Amino acid sequence: MSKREDAQEFMEKLYSCIPRFFYSEIETIQRGVGFTLSYLEQADGEVNAGDLSKKLNVSTARIAALLKKMEQNGWITRRASQEDARRIVVEITPAGIALVDEMREQTLQKIELLLDQISREDLETYIRISRQMKTVMNE
């Protein structure tokens, strides 16, 4: 078997065993609404769309769309900065804080399920190997 065929077979095996439902939820939490709300919840000082754009490494247009959706859902508010009225500051609302807490709880419950069904040693091995793969892929 050639290296290319071996890689193709391995790719299919990897693809078939990745728990996408779990990772897609974590990705949503980490890169979208959940990350933004967590960041705002923990922010020390004013945060604007540009700050979020840099932190998430996405365009300001994408952040604007995300913030619009979050504001419509009542999770954030936008207001003029107290330091510079030309800047718009983003703040988390009590509803946003409640959503962050709910997302964290759901994630913890899923991880508890993993710990109930898979040995800690196997999960630690999975994490160690995943980190190695990430390092190789990011080079």
N, C-alpha and C. Protein backbone atom coordinates (compact mmCIF):
# COMPACT_ATOMS: atom_id res chain seq x y z
N MET A 1 0.85 -1.18 0.00
CA MET A 1 0.00 0.00 0.00
C MET A 1 0.90 1.24 0.00
N SER A 2 0.59 2.21 -0.86
CA SER A 2 1.38 3.43 -0.95
C SER A 2 1.10 4.32 0.26
N LYS A 3 1.97 5.26 0.48
CA LYS A 3 1.80 6.20 1.58
C LYS A 3 0.49 6.99 1.41
N ARG A 4 0.18 7.37 0.19
CA ARG A 4 -1.04 8.11 -0.11
C ARG A 4 -2.27 7.25 0.21
N GLU A 5 -2.29 5.98 -0.20
CA GLU A 5 -3.41 5.09 0.08
C GLU A 5 -3.55 4.86 1.58
N ASP A 6 -2.41 4.71 2.25
CA ASP A 6 -2.40 4.53 3.70
C ASP A 6 -3.02 5.76 4.37
N ALA A 7 -2.64 6.95 3.90
CA ALA A 7 -3.16 8.19 4.46
C ALA A 7 -4.67 8.29 4.22
N GLN A 8 -5.10 7.90 3.05
CA GLN A 8 -6.53 7.95 2.71
C GLN A 8 -7.33 7.01 3.62
N GLU A 9 -6.82 5.81 3.81
CA GLU A 9 -7.50 4.86 4.68
C GLU A 9 -7.56 5.38 6.11
N PHE A 10 -6.44 5.95 6.57
CA PHE A 10 -6.39 6.48 7.92
C PHE A 10 -7.36 7.66 8.08
N MET A 11 -7.45 8.50 7.04
CA MET A 11 -8.37 9.64 7.07
C MET A 11 -9.81 9.16 7.23
N GLU A 12 -10.18 8.12 6.51
CA GLU A 12 -11.53 7.57 6.60
C GLU A 12 -11.80 7.03 8.01
N LYS A 13 -10.81 6.36 8.59
CA LYS A 13 -10.97 5.84 9.95
C LYS A 13 -11.14 6.98 10.96
N LEU A 14 -10.31 8.00 10.83
CA LEU A 14 -10.41 9.16 11.72
C LEU A 14 -11.77 9.82 11.58
N TYR A 15 -12.18 10.03 10.34
CA TYR A 15 -13.45 10.70 10.06
C TYR A 15 -14.62 9.92 10.67
N SER A 16 -14.55 8.62 10.62
CA SER A 16 -15.66 7.80 11.10
C SER A 16 -15.76 7.75 12.62
N CYS A 17 -14.69 8.08 13.33
CA CYS A 17 -14.73 7.95 14.79
C CYS A 17 -14.79 9.28 15.54
N ILE A 18 -14.74 10.39 14.84
CA ILE A 18 -14.79 11.68 15.52
C ILE A 18 -16.21 11.96 15.98
N PRO A 19 -16.38 12.23 17.27
CA PRO A 19 -17.73 12.53 17.77
C PRO A 19 -18.13 13.95 17.43
N ARG A 20 -18.57 14.15 16.19
CA ARG A 20 -18.84 15.50 15.68
C ARG A 20 -19.86 16.28 16.50
N PHE A 21 -20.91 15.59 16.97
CA PHE A 21 -21.93 16.29 17.75
C PHE A 21 -21.31 16.97 18.96
N PHE A 22 -20.35 16.31 19.58
CA PHE A 22 -19.71 16.86 20.77
C PHE A 22 -18.78 18.00 20.39
N TYR A 23 -17.93 17.77 19.38
CA TYR A 23 -16.99 18.80 18.97
C TYR A 23 -17.68 20.00 18.35
N SER A 24 -18.76 19.78 17.62
CA SER A 24 -19.44 20.93 17.04
C SER A 24 -20.04 21.80 18.13
N GLU A 25 -20.52 21.18 19.19
CA GLU A 25 -21.05 21.95 20.31
C GLU A 25 -19.93 22.72 21.00
N ILE A 26 -18.81 22.06 21.22
CA ILE A 26 -17.67 22.74 21.84
C ILE A 26 -17.19 23.85 20.94
N GLU A 27 -17.13 23.61 19.64
CA GLU A 27 -16.69 24.64 18.70
C GLU A 27 -17.62 25.85 18.75
N THR A 28 -18.91 25.59 18.80
CA THR A 28 -19.87 26.69 18.92
C THR A 28 -19.63 27.46 20.20
N ILE A 29 -19.42 26.75 21.27
CA ILE A 29 -19.19 27.39 22.56
C ILE A 29 -17.87 28.17 22.54
N GLN A 30 -16.83 27.58 22.00
CA GLN A 30 -15.52 28.21 22.03
C GLN A 30 -15.35 29.32 21.02
N ARG A 31 -15.94 29.22 19.85
CA ARG A 31 -15.66 30.17 18.78
C ARG A 31 -16.79 31.13 18.46
N GLY A 32 -17.92 30.94 19.02
CA GLY A 32 -19.04 31.78 18.65
C GLY A 32 -19.67 32.44 19.85
N VAL A 33 -20.93 32.16 20.00
CA VAL A 33 -21.73 32.78 21.04
C VAL A 33 -21.12 32.53 22.42
N GLY A 34 -20.84 31.29 22.72
CA GLY A 34 -20.33 30.94 24.05
C GLY A 34 -19.01 31.62 24.37
N PHE A 35 -18.10 31.60 23.39
CA PHE A 35 -16.81 32.25 23.64
C PHE A 35 -17.01 33.74 23.87
N THR A 36 -17.80 34.37 23.03
CA THR A 36 -18.04 35.81 23.14
C THR A 36 -18.65 36.16 24.49
N LEU A 37 -19.66 35.40 24.88
CA LEU A 37 -20.29 35.67 26.17
C LEU A 37 -19.33 35.43 27.33
N SER A 38 -18.57 34.35 27.27
CA SER A 38 -17.58 34.08 28.32
C SER A 38 -16.54 35.19 28.40
N TYR A 39 -16.09 35.63 27.24
CA TYR A 39 -15.10 36.71 27.18
C TYR A 39 -15.68 37.98 27.80
N LEU A 40 -16.90 38.32 27.45
CA LEU A 40 -17.54 39.52 28.00
C LEU A 40 -17.75 39.38 29.51
N GLU A 41 -18.13 38.18 29.94
CA GLU A 41 -18.38 37.94 31.36
C GLU A 41 -17.10 38.15 32.18
N GLN A 42 -15.95 37.77 31.61
CA GLN A 42 -14.69 37.83 32.34
C GLN A 42 -13.89 39.10 32.05
N ALA A 43 -14.40 39.93 31.14
CA ALA A 43 -13.66 41.13 30.72
C ALA A 43 -13.44 42.08 31.88
N ASP A 44 -12.24 42.65 31.87
CA ASP A 44 -11.90 43.68 32.84
C ASP A 44 -11.82 45.00 32.08
N GLY A 45 -12.92 45.71 32.07
CA GLY A 45 -12.97 46.95 31.31
C GLY A 45 -13.87 46.81 30.10
N GLU A 46 -13.88 47.86 29.29
CA GLU A 46 -14.76 47.91 28.13
C GLU A 46 -14.25 47.03 27.00
N VAL A 47 -15.20 46.41 26.29
CA VAL A 47 -14.90 45.55 25.15
C VAL A 47 -15.69 46.07 23.96
N ASN A 48 -15.05 46.19 22.82
CA ASN A 48 -15.77 46.59 21.60
C ASN A 48 -15.66 45.49 20.55
N ALA A 49 -16.34 45.68 19.44
CA ALA A 49 -16.36 44.67 18.38
C ALA A 49 -14.96 44.39 17.84
N GLY A 50 -14.14 45.42 17.75
CA GLY A 50 -12.76 45.23 17.27
C GLY A 50 -11.97 44.32 18.19
N ASP A 51 -12.15 44.47 19.50
CA ASP A 51 -11.47 43.59 20.46
C ASP A 51 -11.88 42.13 20.24
N LEU A 52 -13.18 41.92 20.05
CA LEU A 52 -13.68 40.56 19.83
C LEU A 52 -13.17 40.00 18.51
N SER A 53 -13.13 40.83 17.49
CA SER A 53 -12.64 40.41 16.18
C SER A 53 -11.20 39.91 16.28
N LYS A 54 -10.38 40.65 16.99
CA LYS A 54 -8.96 40.25 17.17
C LYS A 54 -8.87 38.96 17.99
N LYS A 55 -9.63 38.90 19.07
CA LYS A 55 -9.56 37.73 19.95
C LYS A 55 -10.01 36.45 19.24
N LEU A 56 -11.06 36.57 18.42
CA LEU A 56 -11.59 35.41 17.70
C LEU A 56 -10.89 35.18 16.36
N ASN A 57 -10.11 36.16 15.94
CA ASN A 57 -9.41 36.09 14.65
C ASN A 57 -10.40 35.92 13.50
N VAL A 58 -11.44 36.74 13.52
CA VAL A 58 -12.44 36.77 12.44
C VAL A 58 -12.67 38.22 12.05
N SER A 59 -13.29 38.42 10.91
CA SER A 59 -13.52 39.76 10.40
C SER A 59 -14.50 40.53 11.28
N THR A 60 -14.40 41.84 11.22
CA THR A 60 -15.34 42.68 11.98
C THR A 60 -16.76 42.51 11.44
N ALA A 61 -16.90 42.21 10.15
CA ALA A 61 -18.23 41.98 9.58
C ALA A 61 -18.87 40.74 10.21
N ARG A 62 -18.07 39.71 10.39
CA ARG A 62 -18.59 38.48 11.01
C ARG A 62 -18.97 38.74 12.48
N ILE A 63 -18.16 39.51 13.16
CA ILE A 63 -18.47 39.86 14.55
C ILE A 63 -19.74 40.69 14.61
N ALA A 64 -19.88 41.64 13.68
CA ALA A 64 -21.08 42.48 13.66
C ALA A 64 -22.33 41.62 13.51
N ALA A 65 -22.28 40.64 12.64
CA ALA A 65 -23.43 39.75 12.43
C ALA A 65 -23.71 38.93 13.70
N LEU A 66 -22.64 38.44 14.32
CA LEU A 66 -22.80 37.66 15.55
C LEU A 66 -23.39 38.53 16.66
N LEU A 67 -22.87 39.73 16.82
CA LEU A 67 -23.37 40.63 17.86
C LEU A 67 -24.82 41.02 17.63
N LYS A 68 -25.19 41.21 16.38
CA LYS A 68 -26.58 41.55 16.06
C LYS A 68 -27.51 40.43 16.52
N LYS A 69 -27.13 39.19 16.21
CA LYS A 69 -27.93 38.04 16.61
C LYS A 69 -28.00 37.93 18.13
N MET A 70 -26.86 38.15 18.77
CA MET A 70 -26.82 38.04 20.23
C MET A 70 -27.64 39.15 20.89
N GLU A 71 -27.63 40.33 20.31
CA GLU A 71 -28.42 41.44 20.85
C GLU A 71 -29.92 41.16 20.68
N GLN A 72 -30.30 40.62 19.53
CA GLN A 72 -31.71 40.28 19.28
C GLN A 72 -32.21 39.24 20.28
N ASN A 73 -31.31 38.36 20.71
CA ASN A 73 -31.67 37.32 21.68
C ASN A 73 -31.60 37.82 23.13
N GLY A 74 -31.16 39.05 23.31
CA GLY A 74 -31.11 39.62 24.65
C GLY A 74 -29.89 39.22 25.47
N TRP A 75 -28.87 38.69 24.82
CA TRP A 75 -27.69 38.21 25.55
C TRP A 75 -26.63 39.30 25.75
N ILE A 76 -26.67 40.33 24.93
CA ILE A 76 -25.73 41.45 25.05
C ILE A 76 -26.47 42.76 24.82
N THR A 77 -25.82 43.83 25.22
CA THR A 77 -26.27 45.17 24.86
C THR A 77 -25.08 45.92 24.29
N ARG A 78 -25.37 46.94 23.51
CA ARG A 78 -24.32 47.81 22.98
C ARG A 78 -24.65 49.24 23.41
N ARG A 79 -23.60 49.96 23.75
CA ARG A 79 -23.77 51.35 24.17
C ARG A 79 -22.51 52.13 23.83
N ALA A 80 -22.61 53.44 23.90
CA ALA A 80 -21.44 54.29 23.66
C ALA A 80 -20.48 54.17 24.84
N SER A 81 -19.20 54.17 24.55
CA SER A 81 -18.17 54.09 25.58
C SER A 81 -18.20 55.32 26.47
N GLN A 82 -17.93 55.13 27.73
CA GLN A 82 -17.84 56.26 28.66
C GLN A 82 -16.54 57.02 28.43
N GLU A 83 -15.54 56.33 27.90
CA GLU A 83 -14.23 56.94 27.65
C GLU A 83 -14.18 57.69 26.32
N ASP A 84 -14.87 57.16 25.32
CA ASP A 84 -14.86 57.75 23.98
C ASP A 84 -16.21 57.46 23.34
N ALA A 85 -17.06 58.46 23.27
CA ALA A 85 -18.43 58.28 22.79
C ALA A 85 -18.51 57.76 21.35
N ARG A 86 -17.39 57.83 20.61
CA ARG A 86 -17.39 57.31 19.23
C ARG A 86 -17.27 55.78 19.20
N ARG A 87 -16.82 55.19 20.29
CA ARG A 87 -16.67 53.73 20.37
C ARG A 87 -17.93 53.11 20.93
N ILE A 88 -18.30 51.97 20.38
CA ILE A 88 -19.46 51.22 20.87
C ILE A 88 -18.93 50.05 21.72
N VAL A 89 -19.43 49.97 22.92
CA VAL A 89 -19.02 48.95 23.88
C VAL A 89 -20.08 47.85 23.93
N VAL A 90 -19.60 46.62 24.05
CA VAL A 90 -20.48 45.46 24.12
C VAL A 90 -20.46 44.94 25.56
N GLU A 91 -21.64 44.70 26.11
CA GLU A 91 -21.74 44.19 27.48
C GLU A 91 -22.68 42.99 27.53
N ILE A 92 -22.37 42.07 28.41
CA ILE A 92 -23.21 40.89 28.61
C ILE A 92 -24.39 41.26 29.51
N THR A 93 -25.53 40.67 29.24
CA THR A 93 -26.74 40.90 30.04
C THR A 93 -26.90 39.75 31.03
N PRO A 94 -27.81 39.88 31.99
CA PRO A 94 -28.10 38.75 32.88
C PRO A 94 -28.53 37.50 32.10
N ALA A 95 -29.28 37.69 31.01
CA ALA A 95 -29.70 36.54 30.18
C ALA A 95 -28.47 35.89 29.53
N GLY A 96 -27.49 36.70 29.14
CA GLY A 96 -26.25 36.17 28.57
C GLY A 96 -25.46 35.39 29.59
N ILE A 97 -25.40 35.90 30.80
CA ILE A 97 -24.70 35.19 31.89
C ILE A 97 -25.38 33.85 32.15
N ALA A 98 -26.71 33.85 32.17
CA ALA A 98 -27.45 32.59 32.38
C ALA A 98 -27.15 31.59 31.27
N LEU A 99 -27.04 32.08 30.03
CA LEU A 99 -26.74 31.18 28.91
C LEU A 99 -25.34 30.60 29.03
N VAL A 100 -24.38 31.41 29.42
CA VAL A 100 -23.00 30.92 29.62
C VAL A 100 -23.01 29.82 30.67
N ASP A 101 -23.70 30.06 31.77
CA ASP A 101 -23.78 29.06 32.84
C ASP A 101 -24.42 27.77 32.34
N GLU A 102 -25.47 27.89 31.54
CA GLU A 102 -26.16 26.72 30.98
C GLU A 102 -25.24 25.95 30.03
N MET A 103 -24.51 26.66 29.18
CA MET A 103 -23.59 26.02 28.23
C MET A 103 -22.48 25.27 28.98
N ARG A 104 -21.95 25.91 30.00
CA ARG A 104 -20.90 25.25 30.80
C ARG A 104 -21.43 23.98 31.45
N GLU A 105 -22.64 24.07 31.99
CA GLU A 105 -23.25 22.92 32.65
C GLU A 105 -23.48 21.77 31.66
N GLN A 106 -23.98 22.07 30.47
CA GLN A 106 -24.19 21.04 29.46
C GLN A 106 -22.87 20.39 29.04
N THR A 107 -21.85 21.19 28.88
CA THR A 107 -20.54 20.65 28.51
C THR A 107 -20.00 19.75 29.62
N LEU A 108 -20.12 20.20 30.86
CA LEU A 108 -19.65 19.39 31.99
C LEU A 108 -20.41 18.07 32.07
N GLN A 109 -21.71 18.09 31.82
CA GLN A 109 -22.49 16.86 31.84
C GLN A 109 -22.02 15.88 30.77
N LYS A 110 -21.69 16.39 29.59
CA LYS A 110 -21.18 15.52 28.52
C LYS A 110 -19.82 14.93 28.89
N ILE A 111 -18.99 15.73 29.50
CA ILE A 111 -17.67 15.23 29.91
C ILE A 111 -17.83 14.21 31.04
N GLU A 112 -18.77 14.44 31.95
CA GLU A 112 -19.04 13.45 32.99
C GLU A 112 -19.48 12.13 32.37
N LEU A 113 -20.30 12.19 31.33
CA LEU A 113 -20.73 10.98 30.62
C LEU A 113 -19.52 10.26 30.04
N LEU A 114 -18.61 11.02 29.43
CA LEU A 114 -17.38 10.41 28.91
C LEU A 114 -16.61 9.71 30.03
N LEU A 115 -16.47 10.40 31.16
CA LEU A 115 -15.73 9.83 32.28
C LEU A 115 -16.41 8.59 32.85
N ASP A 116 -17.74 8.52 32.75
CA ASP A 116 -18.48 7.34 33.21
C ASP A 116 -18.28 6.15 32.27
N GLN A 117 -18.16 6.42 30.98
CA GLN A 117 -18.15 5.37 29.97
C GLN A 117 -16.75 4.97 29.49
N ILE A 118 -15.80 5.88 29.62
CA ILE A 118 -14.43 5.63 29.12
C ILE A 118 -13.46 5.88 30.27
N SER A 119 -12.48 5.02 30.40
CA SER A 119 -11.55 5.18 31.51
C SER A 119 -10.78 6.50 31.41
N ARG A 120 -10.43 7.02 32.56
CA ARG A 120 -9.67 8.28 32.60
C ARG A 120 -8.35 8.10 31.87
N GLU A 121 -7.74 6.94 32.02
CA GLU A 121 -6.47 6.66 31.34
C GLU A 121 -6.64 6.74 29.82
N ASP A 122 -7.70 6.15 29.29
CA ASP A 122 -7.94 6.22 27.85
C ASP A 122 -8.20 7.66 27.39
N LEU A 123 -8.97 8.41 28.19
CA LEU A 123 -9.23 9.80 27.83
C LEU A 123 -7.95 10.63 27.87
N GLU A 124 -7.09 10.39 28.85
CA GLU A 124 -5.81 11.10 28.93
C GLU A 124 -4.93 10.74 27.72
N THR A 125 -4.95 9.47 27.32
CA THR A 125 -4.19 9.05 26.14
C THR A 125 -4.72 9.75 24.90
N TYR A 126 -6.03 9.81 24.78
CA TYR A 126 -6.67 10.49 23.65
C TYR A 126 -6.24 11.96 23.60
N ILE A 127 -6.26 12.62 24.74
CA ILE A 127 -5.87 14.03 24.81
C ILE A 127 -4.40 14.20 24.45
N ARG A 128 -3.55 13.33 24.96
CA ARG A 128 -2.11 13.41 24.66
C ARG A 128 -1.86 13.25 23.17
N ILE A 129 -2.49 12.27 22.57
CA ILE A 129 -2.31 12.03 21.13
C ILE A 129 -2.92 13.17 20.32
N SER A 130 -4.08 13.66 20.72
CA SER A 130 -4.71 14.79 20.02
C SER A 130 -3.81 16.02 20.05
N ARG A 131 -3.16 16.26 21.18
CA ARG A 131 -2.23 17.40 21.27
C ARG A 131 -1.05 17.21 20.32
N GLN A 132 -0.54 15.99 20.26
CA GLN A 132 0.56 15.71 19.33
C GLN A 132 0.12 15.96 17.88
N MET A 133 -1.08 15.50 17.54
CA MET A 133 -1.60 15.70 16.19
C MET A 133 -1.78 17.19 15.90
N LYS A 134 -2.27 17.93 16.87
CA LYS A 134 -2.47 19.36 16.69
C LYS A 134 -1.12 20.06 16.44
N THR A 135 -0.12 19.67 17.21
CA THR A 135 1.22 20.26 17.04
C THR A 135 1.75 19.99 15.64
N VAL A 136 1.60 18.76 15.18
CA VAL A 136 2.09 18.40 13.84
C VAL A 136 1.32 19.16 12.77
N MET A 137 0.01 19.25 12.92
CA MET A 137 -0.83 19.89 11.89
C MET A 137 -0.64 21.41 11.86
N ASN A 138 -0.23 22.01 12.98
CA ASN A 138 -0.04 23.46 13.05
C ASN A 138 1.34 23.89 12.59
N GLU A 139 2.21 22.95 12.28
CA GLU A 139 3.57 23.31 11.84
C GLU A 139 3.57 23.69 10.40
